[in-house]
Structure formats: C-alpha cells, structure tokens
Amino acid sequence: MFIAGSNDDLYTENALIFEPATVQRLRHFATAIFGYYLQGKQEYAEYISEEAINQLEGMLWGMYGEN
C-alpha cells in the first residue's frame, strides 16, 4: 500500500502528518487494506473499491498520471 498526494508539499518534504482528518483517512485505508488482504475479511473490499474511492473528495482511483 502506498498513498501519496500529487501536489502535497508535506509528502514531498518527507514530513510527518499530524492533521487529524488526514490521519483518520490513512487509518481508514490501512484498516481496510490490511483487513482485506492480510486477514481475509471480504467485507472490507467495499471500502477500497474504485466506487468508494472516487466518492471521496480529493481521492482518485488508479495510477498517478493515468488520468
């Protein structure tokens, strides 16, 4: 799993993220990805689906540069 912003100054400077909303969003994805892929919890797939990701503001499903 790799999550990064295309225009994120904090990420490009390799800084830590302390903004509560960002931390909450990262926890959401980490829980869903680890639960689905490592624990086999099929019900978590809906949280990391293309449809779910595209509904979130500022998020985009796919490889950077494709869209």
N, C-alpha and C. Protein backbone atom coordinates (compact mmCIF):
# COMPACT_ATOMS: atom_id res chain seq x y z
N MET A 1 0.85 -1.17 0.00
CA MET A 1 0.00 0.00 0.00
C MET A 1 0.89 1.23 0.00
N PHE A 2 0.59 2.15 -0.89
CA PHE A 2 1.33 3.40 -0.95
C PHE A 2 0.34 4.50 -1.24
N ILE A 3 0.27 5.47 -0.36
CA ILE A 3 -0.65 6.58 -0.52
C ILE A 3 0.17 7.86 -0.55
N ALA A 4 -0.03 8.65 -1.59
CA ALA A 4 0.69 9.92 -1.69
C ALA A 4 -0.13 10.91 -2.48
N GLY A 5 0.10 12.16 -2.22
CA GLY A 5 -0.57 13.21 -2.96
C GLY A 5 0.30 13.70 -4.09
N SER A 6 -0.32 14.09 -5.18
CA SER A 6 0.44 14.57 -6.32
C SER A 6 0.94 16.00 -6.12
N ASN A 7 0.22 16.79 -5.34
CA ASN A 7 0.61 18.17 -5.06
C ASN A 7 0.73 18.39 -3.56
N ASP A 8 1.35 17.48 -2.89
CA ASP A 8 1.42 17.50 -1.44
C ASP A 8 2.81 17.91 -0.98
N ASP A 9 2.96 19.16 -0.55
CA ASP A 9 4.26 19.65 -0.12
C ASP A 9 4.78 18.90 1.10
N LEU A 10 3.86 18.50 2.01
CA LEU A 10 4.30 17.76 3.19
C LEU A 10 4.91 16.42 2.81
N TYR A 11 4.29 15.73 1.86
CA TYR A 11 4.81 14.43 1.47
C TYR A 11 6.14 14.56 0.76
N THR A 12 6.23 15.50 -0.17
CA THR A 12 7.47 15.63 -0.94
C THR A 12 8.64 16.03 -0.06
N GLU A 13 8.37 16.67 1.08
CA GLU A 13 9.44 17.03 2.02
C GLU A 13 9.68 15.93 3.03
N ASN A 14 8.94 14.80 2.89
CA ASN A 14 9.08 13.65 3.79
C ASN A 14 8.75 13.97 5.24
N ALA A 15 7.78 14.87 5.44
CA ALA A 15 7.39 15.30 6.79
C ALA A 15 6.33 14.36 7.35
N LEU A 16 6.17 14.41 8.66
CA LEU A 16 5.13 13.63 9.32
C LEU A 16 3.79 14.33 9.17
N ILE A 17 2.72 13.56 9.20
CA ILE A 17 1.38 14.11 9.04
C ILE A 17 0.69 14.11 10.40
N PHE A 18 0.27 15.29 10.83
CA PHE A 18 -0.40 15.42 12.12
C PHE A 18 -1.83 15.94 11.99
N GLU A 19 -2.25 16.29 10.81
CA GLU A 19 -3.61 16.81 10.62
C GLU A 19 -4.60 15.69 10.92
N PRO A 20 -5.51 15.89 11.88
CA PRO A 20 -6.42 14.81 12.29
C PRO A 20 -7.24 14.20 11.15
N ALA A 21 -7.74 15.02 10.25
CA ALA A 21 -8.54 14.49 9.14
C ALA A 21 -7.71 13.58 8.24
N THR A 22 -6.46 13.95 8.01
CA THR A 22 -5.58 13.14 7.16
C THR A 22 -5.22 11.84 7.86
N VAL A 23 -4.92 11.91 9.14
CA VAL A 23 -4.60 10.71 9.91
C VAL A 23 -5.79 9.76 9.91
N GLN A 24 -6.99 10.30 10.09
CA GLN A 24 -8.19 9.46 10.09
C GLN A 24 -8.38 8.77 8.75
N ARG A 25 -8.15 9.49 7.66
CA ARG A 25 -8.30 8.90 6.32
C ARG A 25 -7.25 7.81 6.09
N LEU A 26 -6.03 8.03 6.52
CA LEU A 26 -5.00 7.00 6.37
C LEU A 26 -5.31 5.76 7.19
N ARG A 27 -5.83 5.95 8.39
CA ARG A 27 -6.23 4.80 9.23
C ARG A 27 -7.35 4.02 8.57
N HIS A 28 -8.29 4.72 7.96
CA HIS A 28 -9.39 4.08 7.26
C HIS A 28 -8.86 3.13 6.19
N PHE A 29 -7.96 3.63 5.35
CA PHE A 29 -7.43 2.80 4.27
C PHE A 29 -6.52 1.69 4.79
N ALA A 30 -5.72 1.98 5.78
CA ALA A 30 -4.84 0.95 6.33
C ALA A 30 -5.66 -0.20 6.93
N THR A 31 -6.70 0.14 7.68
CA THR A 31 -7.56 -0.88 8.27
C THR A 31 -8.22 -1.73 7.19
N ALA A 32 -8.76 -1.06 6.17
CA ALA A 32 -9.44 -1.79 5.10
C ALA A 32 -8.48 -2.67 4.30
N ILE A 33 -7.33 -2.14 3.95
CA ILE A 33 -6.37 -2.89 3.14
C ILE A 33 -5.80 -4.07 3.92
N PHE A 34 -5.36 -3.83 5.15
CA PHE A 34 -4.80 -4.92 5.94
C PHE A 34 -5.87 -5.95 6.30
N GLY A 35 -7.06 -5.48 6.62
CA GLY A 35 -8.14 -6.41 6.93
C GLY A 35 -8.51 -7.29 5.75
N TYR A 36 -8.57 -6.69 4.57
CA TYR A 36 -8.94 -7.44 3.37
C TYR A 36 -7.83 -8.38 2.93
N TYR A 37 -6.63 -7.85 2.75
CA TYR A 37 -5.54 -8.66 2.18
C TYR A 37 -4.85 -9.58 3.19
N LEU A 38 -4.73 -9.16 4.42
CA LEU A 38 -3.99 -9.98 5.39
C LEU A 38 -4.90 -10.85 6.26
N GLN A 39 -6.08 -10.37 6.54
CA GLN A 39 -6.98 -11.12 7.41
C GLN A 39 -8.10 -11.82 6.64
N GLY A 40 -8.19 -11.53 5.34
CA GLY A 40 -9.20 -12.18 4.52
C GLY A 40 -10.63 -11.74 4.79
N LYS A 41 -10.80 -10.54 5.33
CA LYS A 41 -12.15 -10.03 5.63
C LYS A 41 -12.74 -9.44 4.35
N GLN A 42 -13.52 -10.24 3.66
CA GLN A 42 -14.10 -9.85 2.37
C GLN A 42 -14.97 -8.60 2.47
N GLU A 43 -15.60 -8.39 3.62
CA GLU A 43 -16.48 -7.23 3.77
C GLU A 43 -15.73 -5.89 3.71
N TYR A 44 -14.42 -5.92 3.86
CA TYR A 44 -13.63 -4.68 3.79
C TYR A 44 -13.37 -4.24 2.35
N ALA A 45 -13.60 -5.11 1.41
CA ALA A 45 -13.33 -4.79 0.00
C ALA A 45 -14.12 -3.57 -0.46
N GLU A 46 -15.32 -3.40 0.05
CA GLU A 46 -16.16 -2.28 -0.38
C GLU A 46 -15.54 -0.93 -0.01
N TYR A 47 -14.69 -0.89 1.02
CA TYR A 47 -14.08 0.37 1.45
C TYR A 47 -12.88 0.77 0.60
N ILE A 48 -12.36 -0.16 -0.15
CA ILE A 48 -11.20 0.14 -1.01
C ILE A 48 -11.53 -0.08 -2.48
N SER A 49 -12.81 -0.10 -2.79
CA SER A 49 -13.23 -0.28 -4.18
C SER A 49 -13.07 1.03 -4.95
N GLU A 50 -13.06 0.90 -6.25
CA GLU A 50 -12.96 2.09 -7.11
C GLU A 50 -14.13 3.04 -6.85
N GLU A 51 -15.32 2.49 -6.72
CA GLU A 51 -16.51 3.30 -6.47
C GLU A 51 -16.38 4.09 -5.16
N ALA A 52 -15.93 3.43 -4.11
CA ALA A 52 -15.80 4.09 -2.80
C ALA A 52 -14.73 5.18 -2.83
N ILE A 53 -13.60 4.89 -3.46
CA ILE A 53 -12.50 5.86 -3.52
C ILE A 53 -12.92 7.09 -4.31
N ASN A 54 -13.57 6.90 -5.44
CA ASN A 54 -13.95 8.02 -6.29
C ASN A 54 -15.02 8.92 -5.66
N GLN A 55 -15.70 8.44 -4.62
CA GLN A 55 -16.70 9.25 -3.93
C GLN A 55 -16.08 10.19 -2.90
N LEU A 56 -14.82 9.98 -2.57
CA LEU A 56 -14.15 10.80 -1.57
C LEU A 56 -13.50 12.02 -2.21
N GLU A 57 -13.74 13.17 -1.64
CA GLU A 57 -13.16 14.40 -2.17
C GLU A 57 -11.64 14.35 -2.13
N GLY A 58 -11.02 14.68 -3.24
CA GLY A 58 -9.57 14.72 -3.31
C GLY A 58 -8.92 13.37 -3.55
N MET A 59 -9.72 12.33 -3.74
CA MET A 59 -9.18 10.99 -3.95
C MET A 59 -9.48 10.54 -5.38
N LEU A 60 -8.60 9.72 -5.92
CA LEU A 60 -8.76 9.23 -7.28
C LEU A 60 -8.24 7.81 -7.35
N TRP A 61 -8.99 6.93 -7.98
CA TRP A 61 -8.60 5.53 -8.15
C TRP A 61 -7.68 5.42 -9.37
N GLY A 62 -6.58 4.72 -9.24
CA GLY A 62 -5.72 4.46 -10.39
C GLY A 62 -4.29 4.89 -10.16
N MET A 63 -3.53 4.79 -11.20
CA MET A 63 -2.12 5.14 -11.16
C MET A 63 -1.96 6.63 -11.43
N TYR A 64 -1.06 7.27 -10.73
CA TYR A 64 -0.80 8.69 -10.94
C TYR A 64 -0.33 8.91 -12.36
N GLY A 65 -0.89 9.88 -13.02
CA GLY A 65 -0.51 10.19 -14.39
C GLY A 65 -1.42 9.57 -15.42
N GLU A 66 -2.24 8.60 -15.03
CA GLU A 66 -3.17 7.96 -15.96
C GLU A 66 -4.31 8.88 -16.32
N ASN A 67 -4.76 9.68 -15.35
CA ASN A 67 -5.99 10.47 -15.54
C ASN A 67 -5.69 11.92 -15.78
